[in-house]
């Protein structure tokens, strides 16, 4: 899974707990880090995340790499929070990407047109009324017409929930279960999202909607 930070930041340190929880389920998690000499305020782009996929491809084949032959290159996800969510939407058109996760974000401006290029399941999660991008998240769900999509708004969670809670809290669990289902075919994980009795659907702390999920 390749991750895009809020603010399109290069430094991923504040997401360490969230990303570590996801990695604990057996996923290779890649995020951006500033190289020596990187100017303060430099913002990541979808190309940085695209390079992360290429890096994984190289490491999976490189002699001497501790990851040689251990990365499932046919199972790729891109996720991001806020500005990172915009990047995940953009990179969702890449044929190597199987699914995307869009946290506290949604399609705006040029990204609206990019929705038509998506080809895999979409996860949309926001922090309900305290999250200023709740409306964009819901509008993105409504605009996606032909793909399996899950929308969840967690009451009272606000815009920065992935970094506000130890280990990413509920949000890391939601991301992990989505990835375990989509990339590993885990049917127990799928129960968080599928059907009217899905665990998030029955949770009074969440408003949820879905389409084309089986």
N, C-alpha and C. Protein backbone atom coordinates (compact mmCIF):
# COMPACT_ATOMS: atom_id res chain seq x y z
N UNK A 1 0.85 -1.19 0.00
CA UNK A 1 0.00 0.00 0.00
C UNK A 1 0.88 1.24 0.00
N UNK A 2 0.59 2.15 -0.91
CA UNK A 2 1.30 3.41 -0.99
C UNK A 2 0.43 4.50 -0.39
N UNK A 3 1.03 5.35 0.47
CA UNK A 3 0.27 6.33 1.25
C UNK A 3 0.64 7.74 0.86
N UNK A 4 -0.40 8.61 0.75
CA UNK A 4 -0.20 10.03 0.51
C UNK A 4 -0.61 10.83 1.74
N UNK A 5 0.27 11.70 2.22
CA UNK A 5 0.03 12.45 3.46
C UNK A 5 -0.92 13.62 3.27
N UNK A 6 -1.55 14.02 4.36
CA UNK A 6 -2.31 15.25 4.37
C UNK A 6 -1.41 16.44 4.08
N UNK A 7 -1.97 17.44 3.43
CA UNK A 7 -1.18 18.59 3.03
C UNK A 7 -0.21 18.27 1.91
N UNK A 8 -0.31 17.06 1.34
CA UNK A 8 0.67 16.57 0.36
C UNK A 8 2.09 16.70 0.91
N UNK A 9 2.21 16.53 2.23
CA UNK A 9 3.51 16.67 2.89
C UNK A 9 4.44 15.55 2.47
N UNK A 10 5.74 15.85 2.48
CA UNK A 10 6.75 14.84 2.19
C UNK A 10 7.01 13.97 3.42
N UNK A 11 7.06 14.61 4.60
CA UNK A 11 7.36 13.90 5.84
C UNK A 11 6.13 13.13 6.32
N UNK A 12 6.28 11.83 6.55
CA UNK A 12 5.16 10.97 6.93
C UNK A 12 5.14 10.62 8.41
N UNK A 13 6.01 11.26 9.21
CA UNK A 13 6.20 10.88 10.60
C UNK A 13 4.89 10.89 11.40
N UNK A 14 4.05 11.88 11.19
CA UNK A 14 2.84 11.98 12.01
C UNK A 14 1.84 10.86 11.74
N UNK A 15 2.03 10.13 10.65
CA UNK A 15 1.14 9.01 10.33
C UNK A 15 1.74 7.67 10.77
N UNK A 16 2.83 7.71 11.54
CA UNK A 16 3.56 6.48 11.88
C UNK A 16 2.67 5.44 12.54
N UNK A 17 1.86 5.85 13.52
CA UNK A 17 1.00 4.90 14.21
C UNK A 17 -0.02 4.27 13.29
N UNK A 18 -0.69 5.09 12.51
CA UNK A 18 -1.69 4.63 11.54
C UNK A 18 -1.08 3.63 10.56
N UNK A 19 0.07 3.99 9.99
CA UNK A 19 0.70 3.15 8.97
C UNK A 19 1.29 1.88 9.56
N UNK A 20 1.81 1.97 10.78
CA UNK A 20 2.37 0.78 11.43
C UNK A 20 1.28 -0.25 11.72
N UNK A 21 0.10 0.21 12.13
CA UNK A 21 -1.01 -0.71 12.35
C UNK A 21 -1.35 -1.45 11.07
N UNK A 22 -1.40 -0.75 9.97
CA UNK A 22 -1.70 -1.40 8.69
C UNK A 22 -0.61 -2.40 8.32
N UNK A 23 0.65 -1.99 8.48
CA UNK A 23 1.77 -2.88 8.15
C UNK A 23 1.76 -4.15 8.99
N UNK A 24 1.23 -4.06 10.21
CA UNK A 24 1.22 -5.22 11.11
C UNK A 24 0.37 -6.36 10.58
N UNK A 25 -0.46 -6.08 9.60
CA UNK A 25 -1.31 -7.12 9.01
C UNK A 25 -0.64 -7.78 7.79
N UNK A 26 0.64 -7.51 7.61
CA UNK A 26 1.38 -8.19 6.55
C UNK A 26 1.45 -7.43 5.24
N UNK A 27 1.28 -6.12 5.30
CA UNK A 27 1.36 -5.30 4.09
C UNK A 27 2.67 -4.53 4.05
N UNK A 28 3.24 -4.42 2.87
CA UNK A 28 4.34 -3.50 2.65
C UNK A 28 3.71 -2.11 2.51
N UNK A 29 4.08 -1.19 3.38
CA UNK A 29 3.52 0.16 3.37
C UNK A 29 4.62 1.15 3.00
N UNK A 30 4.37 1.93 1.97
CA UNK A 30 5.35 2.90 1.47
C UNK A 30 4.79 4.30 1.59
N UNK A 31 5.60 5.22 2.11
CA UNK A 31 5.21 6.62 2.23
C UNK A 31 6.43 7.49 1.95
N UNK A 32 6.20 8.76 1.71
CA UNK A 32 7.29 9.65 1.32
C UNK A 32 8.10 10.12 2.53
N UNK A 33 9.38 10.40 2.29
CA UNK A 33 10.27 10.97 3.30
C UNK A 33 11.17 11.98 2.60
N UNK A 34 11.50 13.03 3.30
CA UNK A 34 12.32 14.08 2.70
C UNK A 34 13.76 13.62 2.53
N UNK A 35 14.32 13.86 1.36
CA UNK A 35 15.73 13.59 1.11
C UNK A 35 16.56 14.76 1.63
N UNK A 36 17.84 14.53 1.94
CA UNK A 36 18.70 15.64 2.36
C UNK A 36 18.67 16.77 1.32
N UNK A 37 18.49 17.97 1.79
CA UNK A 37 18.46 19.11 0.89
C UNK A 37 17.09 19.47 0.36
N UNK A 38 16.07 18.68 0.73
CA UNK A 38 14.72 19.00 0.29
C UNK A 38 14.26 20.31 0.92
N UNK A 39 13.79 21.23 0.10
CA UNK A 39 13.38 22.54 0.60
C UNK A 39 12.16 22.41 1.51
N UNK A 40 12.16 23.19 2.58
CA UNK A 40 11.03 23.17 3.49
C UNK A 40 9.76 23.58 2.76
N UNK A 41 8.69 22.84 3.00
CA UNK A 41 7.42 23.14 2.34
C UNK A 41 7.23 22.44 1.01
N UNK A 42 8.23 21.65 0.57
CA UNK A 42 8.08 20.89 -0.67
C UNK A 42 6.90 19.94 -0.54
N UNK A 43 6.07 19.90 -1.56
CA UNK A 43 4.87 19.07 -1.53
C UNK A 43 5.03 17.85 -2.43
N UNK A 44 4.50 16.74 -1.95
CA UNK A 44 4.51 15.52 -2.75
C UNK A 44 3.47 15.61 -3.86
N UNK A 45 3.67 14.83 -4.90
CA UNK A 45 2.71 14.72 -5.99
C UNK A 45 2.40 13.25 -6.24
N UNK A 46 1.45 13.00 -7.10
CA UNK A 46 1.12 11.61 -7.45
C UNK A 46 2.33 10.91 -8.06
N UNK A 47 3.23 11.66 -8.68
CA UNK A 47 4.42 11.04 -9.25
C UNK A 47 5.31 10.44 -8.17
N UNK A 48 5.36 11.07 -6.99
CA UNK A 48 6.12 10.48 -5.89
C UNK A 48 5.54 9.13 -5.49
N UNK A 49 4.23 9.04 -5.45
CA UNK A 49 3.59 7.78 -5.10
C UNK A 49 3.77 6.75 -6.22
N UNK A 50 3.75 7.21 -7.44
CA UNK A 50 3.99 6.33 -8.58
C UNK A 50 5.40 5.74 -8.51
N UNK A 51 6.36 6.56 -8.09
CA UNK A 51 7.73 6.08 -7.94
C UNK A 51 7.84 5.03 -6.84
N UNK A 52 6.98 5.13 -5.84
CA UNK A 52 6.98 4.13 -4.77
C UNK A 52 6.60 2.76 -5.31
N UNK A 53 5.63 2.72 -6.20
CA UNK A 53 5.26 1.45 -6.82
C UNK A 53 6.43 0.91 -7.63
N UNK A 54 7.09 1.78 -8.37
CA UNK A 54 8.25 1.37 -9.17
C UNK A 54 9.37 0.86 -8.26
N UNK A 55 9.57 1.52 -7.11
CA UNK A 55 10.58 1.08 -6.15
C UNK A 55 10.28 -0.34 -5.68
N UNK A 56 9.01 -0.61 -5.36
CA UNK A 56 8.63 -1.95 -4.91
C UNK A 56 8.90 -2.99 -6.00
N UNK A 57 8.64 -2.63 -7.23
CA UNK A 57 8.91 -3.55 -8.34
C UNK A 57 10.40 -3.87 -8.43
N UNK A 58 11.23 -2.84 -8.26
CA UNK A 58 12.67 -3.03 -8.32
C UNK A 58 13.17 -3.88 -7.15
N UNK A 59 12.71 -3.55 -5.94
CA UNK A 59 13.16 -4.27 -4.76
C UNK A 59 12.72 -5.73 -4.78
N UNK A 60 11.58 -6.00 -5.36
CA UNK A 60 11.08 -7.37 -5.41
C UNK A 60 11.94 -8.26 -6.29
N UNK A 61 12.71 -7.63 -7.20
CA UNK A 61 13.56 -8.39 -8.12
C UNK A 61 15.05 -8.26 -7.83
N UNK A 62 15.42 -7.30 -7.01
CA UNK A 62 16.85 -6.99 -6.81
C UNK A 62 17.53 -8.04 -5.94
N UNK A 63 18.66 -8.55 -6.44
CA UNK A 63 19.46 -9.47 -5.64
C UNK A 63 19.97 -8.76 -4.39
N UNK A 64 19.84 -9.41 -3.27
CA UNK A 64 20.28 -8.82 -2.01
C UNK A 64 19.22 -8.03 -1.29
N UNK A 65 18.10 -7.79 -1.93
CA UNK A 65 17.02 -7.05 -1.28
C UNK A 65 16.33 -7.93 -0.24
N UNK A 66 16.09 -7.42 0.97
CA UNK A 66 15.36 -8.21 1.97
C UNK A 66 13.90 -8.47 1.56
N UNK A 67 13.44 -7.74 0.55
CA UNK A 67 12.06 -7.92 0.07
C UNK A 67 11.99 -8.73 -1.22
N UNK A 68 13.13 -9.27 -1.68
CA UNK A 68 13.15 -9.99 -2.96
C UNK A 68 12.14 -11.14 -2.94
N UNK A 69 11.22 -11.09 -3.91
CA UNK A 69 10.23 -12.14 -4.06
C UNK A 69 9.14 -12.16 -3.02
N UNK A 70 9.08 -11.13 -2.16
CA UNK A 70 8.11 -11.12 -1.05
C UNK A 70 6.96 -10.13 -1.24
N UNK A 71 7.01 -9.33 -2.29
CA UNK A 71 5.97 -8.33 -2.50
C UNK A 71 5.00 -8.83 -3.57
N UNK A 72 3.72 -8.81 -3.26
CA UNK A 72 2.70 -9.21 -4.24
C UNK A 72 2.41 -8.02 -5.15
N UNK A 73 3.14 -7.93 -6.24
CA UNK A 73 3.03 -6.78 -7.12
C UNK A 73 1.70 -6.73 -7.87
N UNK A 74 0.96 -7.82 -7.84
CA UNK A 74 -0.36 -7.82 -8.46
C UNK A 74 -1.45 -7.40 -7.48
N UNK A 75 -1.05 -6.96 -6.29
CA UNK A 75 -2.01 -6.52 -5.27
C UNK A 75 -1.54 -5.16 -4.74
N UNK A 76 -1.97 -4.10 -5.38
CA UNK A 76 -1.48 -2.76 -5.05
C UNK A 76 -2.65 -1.84 -4.68
N UNK A 77 -2.49 -1.13 -3.58
CA UNK A 77 -3.47 -0.14 -3.16
C UNK A 77 -2.77 1.21 -2.98
N UNK A 78 -3.52 2.27 -3.22
CA UNK A 78 -3.06 3.62 -2.91
C UNK A 78 -4.09 4.27 -2.01
N UNK A 79 -3.64 4.82 -0.90
CA UNK A 79 -4.52 5.50 0.03
C UNK A 79 -3.91 6.84 0.41
N UNK A 80 -4.74 7.76 0.87
CA UNK A 80 -4.22 9.05 1.30
C UNK A 80 -5.25 9.82 2.09
N UNK A 81 -4.75 10.79 2.86
CA UNK A 81 -5.61 11.61 3.71
C UNK A 81 -5.57 13.06 3.24
N UNK A 82 -6.73 13.70 3.14
CA UNK A 82 -6.84 15.10 2.73
C UNK A 82 -6.19 15.30 1.36
N UNK A 83 -5.14 16.10 1.27
CA UNK A 83 -4.46 16.29 -0.02
C UNK A 83 -3.93 14.97 -0.57
N UNK A 84 -3.53 14.08 0.34
CA UNK A 84 -3.10 12.76 -0.09
C UNK A 84 -4.23 11.97 -0.74
N UNK A 85 -5.47 12.26 -0.33
CA UNK A 85 -6.62 11.63 -0.97
C UNK A 85 -6.77 12.07 -2.42
N UNK A 86 -6.45 13.35 -2.69
CA UNK A 86 -6.47 13.80 -4.07
C UNK A 86 -5.48 13.00 -4.90
N UNK A 87 -4.30 12.73 -4.33
CA UNK A 87 -3.28 11.97 -5.05
C UNK A 87 -3.73 10.52 -5.28
N UNK A 88 -4.43 9.94 -4.30
CA UNK A 88 -4.89 8.57 -4.48
C UNK A 88 -5.91 8.48 -5.60
N UNK A 89 -6.76 9.50 -5.73
CA UNK A 89 -7.72 9.53 -6.84
C UNK A 89 -6.98 9.63 -8.17
N UNK A 90 -5.97 10.48 -8.23
CA UNK A 90 -5.21 10.63 -9.47
C UNK A 90 -4.50 9.33 -9.84
N UNK A 91 -3.90 8.69 -8.86
CA UNK A 91 -3.13 7.48 -9.15
C UNK A 91 -4.02 6.26 -9.35
N UNK A 92 -5.29 6.39 -8.99
CA UNK A 92 -6.21 5.27 -9.18
C UNK A 92 -6.39 4.87 -10.62
N UNK A 93 -5.99 5.73 -11.55
CA UNK A 93 -6.08 5.39 -12.97
C UNK A 93 -4.95 4.47 -13.42
N UNK A 94 -3.89 4.38 -12.63
CA UNK A 94 -2.74 3.53 -12.98
C UNK A 94 -3.20 2.07 -13.05
N UNK A 95 -2.91 1.37 -14.13
CA UNK A 95 -3.39 -0.01 -14.25
C UNK A 95 -2.84 -0.96 -13.19
N UNK A 96 -1.76 -0.58 -12.51
CA UNK A 96 -1.19 -1.43 -11.46
C UNK A 96 -1.96 -1.33 -10.14
N UNK A 97 -2.80 -0.30 -10.01
CA UNK A 97 -3.50 -0.04 -8.74
C UNK A 97 -4.83 -0.77 -8.73
N UNK A 98 -5.03 -1.60 -7.73
CA UNK A 98 -6.25 -2.41 -7.64
C UNK A 98 -7.38 -1.72 -6.89
N UNK A 99 -7.05 -0.90 -5.90
CA UNK A 99 -8.06 -0.24 -5.09
C UNK A 99 -7.47 1.03 -4.50
N UNK A 100 -8.33 1.99 -4.17
CA UNK A 100 -7.86 3.22 -3.53
C UNK A 100 -8.67 3.48 -2.26
N UNK A 101 -8.03 4.20 -1.33
CA UNK A 101 -8.70 4.65 -0.12
C UNK A 101 -8.55 6.15 0.00
N UNK A 102 -9.66 6.85 0.19
CA UNK A 102 -9.68 8.32 0.22
C UNK A 102 -10.20 8.75 1.59
N UNK A 103 -9.29 9.25 2.43
CA UNK A 103 -9.64 9.62 3.80
C UNK A 103 -9.72 11.14 3.93
N UNK A 104 -10.84 11.62 4.49
CA UNK A 104 -11.03 13.06 4.72
C UNK A 104 -10.79 13.84 3.44
N UNK A 105 -11.33 13.38 2.35
CA UNK A 105 -11.02 13.99 1.05
C UNK A 105 -12.08 13.57 0.04
N UNK A 106 -11.97 14.15 -1.14
CA UNK A 106 -12.88 13.81 -2.22
C UNK A 106 -12.48 14.55 -3.47
N UNK A 107 -13.14 14.23 -4.55
CA UNK A 107 -12.79 14.83 -5.84
C UNK A 107 -13.18 16.30 -5.87
N UNK A 108 -12.22 17.12 -6.28
CA UNK A 108 -12.46 18.56 -6.46
C UNK A 108 -11.71 19.01 -7.71
N UNK A 109 -12.23 20.03 -8.38
CA UNK A 109 -11.51 20.59 -9.53
C UNK A 109 -11.20 19.54 -10.58
N UNK A 110 -9.92 19.46 -10.95
CA UNK A 110 -9.51 18.51 -11.99
C UNK A 110 -9.73 17.06 -11.58
N UNK A 111 -9.76 16.81 -10.27
CA UNK A 111 -9.93 15.43 -9.81
C UNK A 111 -11.31 14.87 -10.12
N UNK A 112 -12.30 15.72 -10.32
CA UNK A 112 -13.65 15.23 -10.63
C UNK A 112 -13.62 14.44 -11.94
N UNK A 113 -12.93 14.98 -12.94
CA UNK A 113 -12.83 14.28 -14.22
C UNK A 113 -12.07 12.97 -14.08
N UNK A 114 -11.17 12.89 -13.10
CA UNK A 114 -10.36 11.69 -12.93
C UNK A 114 -11.17 10.51 -12.41
N UNK A 115 -12.34 10.76 -11.86
CA UNK A 115 -13.16 9.67 -11.34
C UNK A 115 -13.52 8.68 -12.44
N UNK A 116 -13.67 9.16 -13.66
CA UNK A 116 -14.05 8.27 -14.76
C UNK A 116 -12.93 7.32 -15.13
N UNK A 117 -11.69 7.61 -14.71
CA UNK A 117 -10.56 6.75 -15.04
C UNK A 117 -10.30 5.68 -13.98
N UNK A 118 -11.01 5.76 -12.85
CA UNK A 118 -10.84 4.74 -11.82
C UNK A 118 -11.35 3.40 -12.32
N UNK A 119 -10.72 2.32 -11.86
CA UNK A 119 -11.12 1.00 -12.35
C UNK A 119 -11.26 -0.05 -11.25
N UNK A 120 -11.03 0.34 -10.00
CA UNK A 120 -11.13 -0.62 -8.90
C UNK A 120 -11.98 -0.10 -7.77
N UNK A 121 -12.24 -0.94 -6.78
CA UNK A 121 -13.06 -0.54 -5.64
C UNK A 121 -12.52 0.69 -4.92
N UNK A 122 -13.44 1.49 -4.37
CA UNK A 122 -13.08 2.76 -3.74
C UNK A 122 -13.61 2.80 -2.31
N UNK A 123 -12.75 3.18 -1.38
CA UNK A 123 -13.12 3.39 0.01
C UNK A 123 -13.06 4.88 0.31
N UNK A 124 -14.17 5.43 0.81
CA UNK A 124 -14.25 6.86 1.15
C UNK A 124 -14.63 7.00 2.63
N UNK A 125 -13.73 7.60 3.42
CA UNK A 125 -13.96 7.72 4.85
C UNK A 125 -13.73 9.17 5.27
N UNK A 126 -14.67 9.72 6.06
CA UNK A 126 -14.49 11.10 6.55
C UNK A 126 -14.91 11.22 8.00
N UNK A 127 -14.71 12.41 8.55
CA UNK A 127 -14.98 12.65 9.96
C UNK A 127 -16.29 13.33 10.27
N UNK A 128 -17.28 13.14 9.40
CA UNK A 128 -18.63 13.66 9.58
C UNK A 128 -18.62 15.19 9.65
N UNK A 129 -19.51 15.81 10.39
CA UNK A 129 -19.72 17.26 10.30
C UNK A 129 -18.51 18.07 10.75
N UNK A 130 -17.65 17.50 11.57
CA UNK A 130 -16.46 18.23 11.99
C UNK A 130 -15.38 18.24 10.90
N UNK A 131 -15.58 17.45 9.87
CA UNK A 131 -14.60 17.34 8.78
C UNK A 131 -15.03 18.26 7.64
N UNK A 132 -14.21 19.27 7.33
CA UNK A 132 -14.62 20.25 6.32
C UNK A 132 -14.68 19.67 4.91
N UNK A 133 -14.18 18.45 4.70
CA UNK A 133 -14.28 17.81 3.39
C UNK A 133 -15.31 16.68 3.38
N UNK A 134 -16.19 16.67 4.37
CA UNK A 134 -17.26 15.68 4.38
C UNK A 134 -18.10 15.76 3.11
N UNK A 135 -18.48 16.97 2.71
CA UNK A 135 -19.33 17.14 1.53
C UNK A 135 -18.63 16.63 0.27
N UNK A 136 -17.33 16.88 0.16
CA UNK A 136 -16.59 16.39 -1.01
C UNK A 136 -16.52 14.88 -1.02
N UNK A 137 -16.36 14.29 0.16
CA UNK A 137 -16.33 12.83 0.27
C UNK A 137 -17.65 12.23 -0.20
N UNK A 138 -18.76 12.78 0.29
CA UNK A 138 -20.08 12.26 -0.09
C UNK A 138 -20.37 12.51 -1.57
N UNK A 139 -19.99 13.68 -2.08
CA UNK A 139 -20.21 13.98 -3.50
C UNK A 139 -19.42 13.02 -4.38
N UNK A 140 -18.24 12.63 -3.92
CA UNK A 140 -17.44 11.68 -4.69
C UNK A 140 -18.12 10.32 -4.72
N UNK A 141 -18.65 9.90 -3.58
CA UNK A 141 -19.40 8.64 -3.55
C UNK A 141 -20.56 8.69 -4.54
N UNK A 142 -21.31 9.77 -4.53
CA UNK A 142 -22.46 9.91 -5.42
C UNK A 142 -22.05 9.92 -6.89
N UNK A 143 -20.87 10.48 -7.18
CA UNK A 143 -20.43 10.63 -8.57
C UNK A 143 -19.87 9.34 -9.16
N UNK A 144 -19.40 8.43 -8.32
CA UNK A 144 -18.85 7.17 -8.83
C UNK A 144 -20.02 6.27 -9.20
N UNK A 145 -20.09 5.93 -10.45
CA UNK A 145 -21.30 5.29 -10.98
C UNK A 145 -21.20 3.78 -11.12
N UNK A 146 -20.03 3.27 -11.52
CA UNK A 146 -19.94 1.87 -11.96
C UNK A 146 -19.02 1.01 -11.11
N UNK A 147 -18.43 1.55 -10.07
CA UNK A 147 -17.45 0.80 -9.30
C UNK A 147 -17.95 0.44 -7.91
N UNK A 148 -17.48 -0.66 -7.35
CA UNK A 148 -17.79 -0.96 -5.95
C UNK A 148 -17.23 0.14 -5.06
N UNK A 149 -18.08 0.71 -4.21
CA UNK A 149 -17.67 1.86 -3.41
C UNK A 149 -18.31 1.80 -2.03
N UNK A 150 -17.52 2.14 -1.01
CA UNK A 150 -18.04 2.22 0.35
C UNK A 150 -17.77 3.62 0.89
N UNK A 151 -18.79 4.20 1.52
CA UNK A 151 -18.70 5.53 2.11
C UNK A 151 -18.98 5.43 3.60
N UNK A 152 -18.12 6.03 4.42
CA UNK A 152 -18.36 6.04 5.85
C UNK A 152 -18.01 7.39 6.46
N UNK A 153 -18.91 7.93 7.27
CA UNK A 153 -18.67 9.18 7.99
C UNK A 153 -18.75 8.88 9.48
N UNK A 154 -17.63 9.05 10.16
CA UNK A 154 -17.55 8.72 11.58
C UNK A 154 -17.91 9.96 12.41
N UNK A 155 -18.99 9.88 13.16
CA UNK A 155 -19.46 11.02 13.94
C UNK A 155 -18.35 11.54 14.86
N UNK A 156 -18.15 12.85 14.84
CA UNK A 156 -17.24 13.49 15.78
C UNK A 156 -15.77 13.26 15.55
N UNK A 157 -15.39 12.70 14.41
CA UNK A 157 -13.98 12.32 14.22
C UNK A 157 -13.12 13.46 13.70
N UNK A 158 -13.69 14.44 13.05
CA UNK A 158 -12.95 15.59 12.52
C UNK A 158 -12.07 15.21 11.35
N UNK A 159 -11.26 16.17 10.91
CA UNK A 159 -10.52 16.03 9.66
C UNK A 159 -9.22 15.25 9.81
N UNK A 160 -8.64 15.25 11.00
CA UNK A 160 -7.32 14.64 11.16
C UNK A 160 -7.35 13.37 11.99
N UNK A 161 -8.45 12.64 11.94
CA UNK A 161 -8.61 11.44 12.77
C UNK A 161 -7.48 10.42 12.61
N UNK A 162 -6.94 10.18 11.40
CA UNK A 162 -5.88 9.17 11.29
C UNK A 162 -4.65 9.46 12.13
N UNK A 163 -4.41 10.74 12.46
CA UNK A 163 -3.24 11.06 13.28
C UNK A 163 -3.63 11.43 14.70
N UNK A 164 -4.91 11.59 14.99
CA UNK A 164 -5.36 11.99 16.32
C UNK A 164 -5.42 10.83 17.30
N UNK A 165 -5.55 9.62 16.80
CA UNK A 165 -5.80 8.46 17.65
C UNK A 165 -4.56 7.56 17.71
N UNK A 166 -4.24 7.00 18.88
CA UNK A 166 -3.09 6.10 18.99
C UNK A 166 -3.19 4.94 18.01
N UNK A 167 -2.13 4.71 17.27
CA UNK A 167 -2.13 3.62 16.30
C UNK A 167 -3.11 3.80 15.17
N UNK A 168 -3.65 5.02 15.02
CA UNK A 168 -4.64 5.25 13.98
C UNK A 168 -6.06 4.89 14.38
N UNK A 169 -6.22 4.28 15.56
CA UNK A 169 -7.55 3.96 16.09
C UNK A 169 -8.45 3.22 15.11
N UNK A 170 -9.73 3.57 15.16
CA UNK A 170 -10.71 2.94 14.27
C UNK A 170 -10.31 3.07 12.81
N UNK A 171 -9.71 4.21 12.46
CA UNK A 171 -9.42 4.48 11.06
C UNK A 171 -8.39 3.51 10.50
N UNK A 172 -7.40 3.17 11.31
CA UNK A 172 -6.41 2.19 10.87
C UNK A 172 -7.05 0.80 10.75
N UNK A 173 -8.01 0.51 11.64
CA UNK A 173 -8.70 -0.78 11.55
C UNK A 173 -9.56 -0.85 10.29
N UNK A 174 -10.22 0.25 9.95
CA UNK A 174 -11.03 0.29 8.73
C UNK A 174 -10.13 0.12 7.51
N UNK A 175 -9.03 0.85 7.46
CA UNK A 175 -8.11 0.73 6.33
C UNK A 175 -7.54 -0.67 6.22
N UNK A 176 -7.16 -1.25 7.37
CA UNK A 176 -6.58 -2.60 7.37
C UNK A 176 -7.58 -3.64 6.88
N UNK A 177 -8.82 -3.54 7.37
CA UNK A 177 -9.83 -4.52 6.94
C UNK A 177 -10.16 -4.38 5.47
N UNK A 178 -10.20 -3.15 4.97
CA UNK A 178 -10.43 -2.96 3.54
C UNK A 178 -9.32 -3.62 2.72
N UNK A 179 -8.08 -3.42 3.13
CA UNK A 179 -6.95 -4.01 2.41
C UNK A 179 -6.92 -5.53 2.54
N UNK A 180 -7.24 -6.04 3.73
CA UNK A 180 -7.27 -7.50 3.90
C UNK A 180 -8.33 -8.13 3.02
N UNK A 181 -9.45 -7.44 2.87
CA UNK A 181 -10.50 -7.94 1.98
C UNK A 181 -10.11 -7.79 0.52
N UNK A 182 -9.75 -6.60 0.11
CA UNK A 182 -9.50 -6.34 -1.30
C UNK A 182 -8.24 -7.02 -1.83
N UNK A 183 -7.18 -7.07 -1.02
CA UNK A 183 -5.91 -7.59 -1.52
C UNK A 183 -5.63 -9.03 -1.09
N UNK A 184 -6.28 -9.49 -0.01
CA UNK A 184 -6.03 -10.84 0.48
C UNK A 184 -7.26 -11.73 0.44
N UNK A 185 -8.40 -11.16 0.06
CA UNK A 185 -9.62 -11.95 -0.04
C UNK A 185 -10.16 -12.44 1.29
N UNK A 186 -9.86 -11.73 2.37
CA UNK A 186 -10.28 -12.13 3.71
C UNK A 186 -11.77 -11.86 3.90
N UNK A 187 -12.55 -12.93 4.04
CA UNK A 187 -14.00 -12.79 4.14
C UNK A 187 -14.45 -12.22 5.48
N UNK A 188 -13.70 -12.47 6.53
CA UNK A 188 -14.03 -11.88 7.83
C UNK A 188 -13.87 -10.37 7.77
N UNK A 189 -12.81 -9.91 7.14
CA UNK A 189 -12.58 -8.47 7.00
C UNK A 189 -13.68 -7.82 6.18
N UNK A 190 -14.19 -8.56 5.18
CA UNK A 190 -15.24 -8.03 4.31
C UNK A 190 -16.51 -7.70 5.09
N UNK A 191 -16.75 -8.39 6.20
CA UNK A 191 -17.97 -8.19 6.97
C UNK A 191 -18.07 -6.78 7.56
N UNK A 192 -16.96 -6.06 7.59
CA UNK A 192 -17.01 -4.68 8.06
C UNK A 192 -17.74 -3.79 7.07
N UNK A 193 -17.82 -4.21 5.79
CA UNK A 193 -18.31 -3.34 4.73
C UNK A 193 -19.51 -3.90 3.94
N UNK A 194 -19.69 -5.19 3.90
CA UNK A 194 -20.64 -5.79 2.97
C UNK A 194 -21.99 -6.08 3.63
N UNK A 195 -23.07 -5.71 2.94
CA UNK A 195 -24.41 -6.03 3.39
C UNK A 195 -24.98 -5.03 4.39
N UNK A 196 -26.30 -5.05 4.53
CA UNK A 196 -26.96 -4.09 5.42
C UNK A 196 -26.60 -4.33 6.89
N UNK A 197 -26.09 -5.53 7.19
CA UNK A 197 -25.70 -5.84 8.56
C UNK A 197 -24.19 -5.77 8.75
N UNK A 198 -23.51 -5.09 7.85
CA UNK A 198 -22.05 -4.94 8.02
C UNK A 198 -21.76 -4.23 9.33
N UNK A 199 -20.59 -4.51 9.91
CA UNK A 199 -20.31 -4.01 11.25
C UNK A 199 -20.29 -2.48 11.32
N UNK A 200 -19.80 -1.82 10.29
CA UNK A 200 -19.84 -0.36 10.28
C UNK A 200 -21.27 0.14 10.05
N UNK A 201 -22.04 -0.60 9.25
CA UNK A 201 -23.41 -0.20 8.97
C UNK A 201 -24.27 -0.21 10.23
N UNK A 202 -23.98 -1.14 11.14
CA UNK A 202 -24.77 -1.27 12.36
C UNK A 202 -24.23 -0.42 13.51
N UNK A 203 -23.09 0.18 13.30
CA UNK A 203 -22.46 0.98 14.34
C UNK A 203 -23.07 2.37 14.38
N UNK A 204 -23.66 2.74 15.51
CA UNK A 204 -24.37 4.02 15.60
C UNK A 204 -23.43 5.22 15.49
N UNK A 205 -22.13 5.00 15.60
CA UNK A 205 -21.17 6.10 15.45
C UNK A 205 -20.88 6.43 13.99
N UNK A 206 -21.39 5.62 13.08
CA UNK A 206 -21.07 5.79 11.67
C UNK A 206 -22.33 5.98 10.83
N UNK A 207 -22.24 6.86 9.82
CA UNK A 207 -23.20 6.92 8.72
C UNK A 207 -22.53 6.26 7.53
N UNK A 208 -23.18 5.30 6.92
CA UNK A 208 -22.55 4.56 5.83
C UNK A 208 -23.48 4.42 4.63
N UNK A 209 -22.87 4.25 3.47
CA UNK A 209 -23.56 3.88 2.25
C UNK A 209 -22.60 3.05 1.41
N UNK A 210 -23.15 2.21 0.56
CA UNK A 210 -22.30 1.43 -0.33
C UNK A 210 -23.03 1.13 -1.62
N UNK A 211 -22.27 0.75 -2.61
CA UNK A 211 -22.84 0.36 -3.90
C UNK A 211 -21.95 -0.69 -4.54
N UNK A 212 -22.58 -1.69 -5.12
CA UNK A 212 -21.91 -2.74 -5.89
C UNK A 212 -20.87 -3.54 -5.11
N UNK A 213 -21.05 -3.62 -3.82
CA UNK A 213 -20.15 -4.45 -3.00
C UNK A 213 -20.79 -5.82 -2.78
N UNK A 214 -20.00 -6.87 -2.98
CA UNK A 214 -20.51 -8.22 -2.81
C UNK A 214 -19.53 -9.04 -1.98
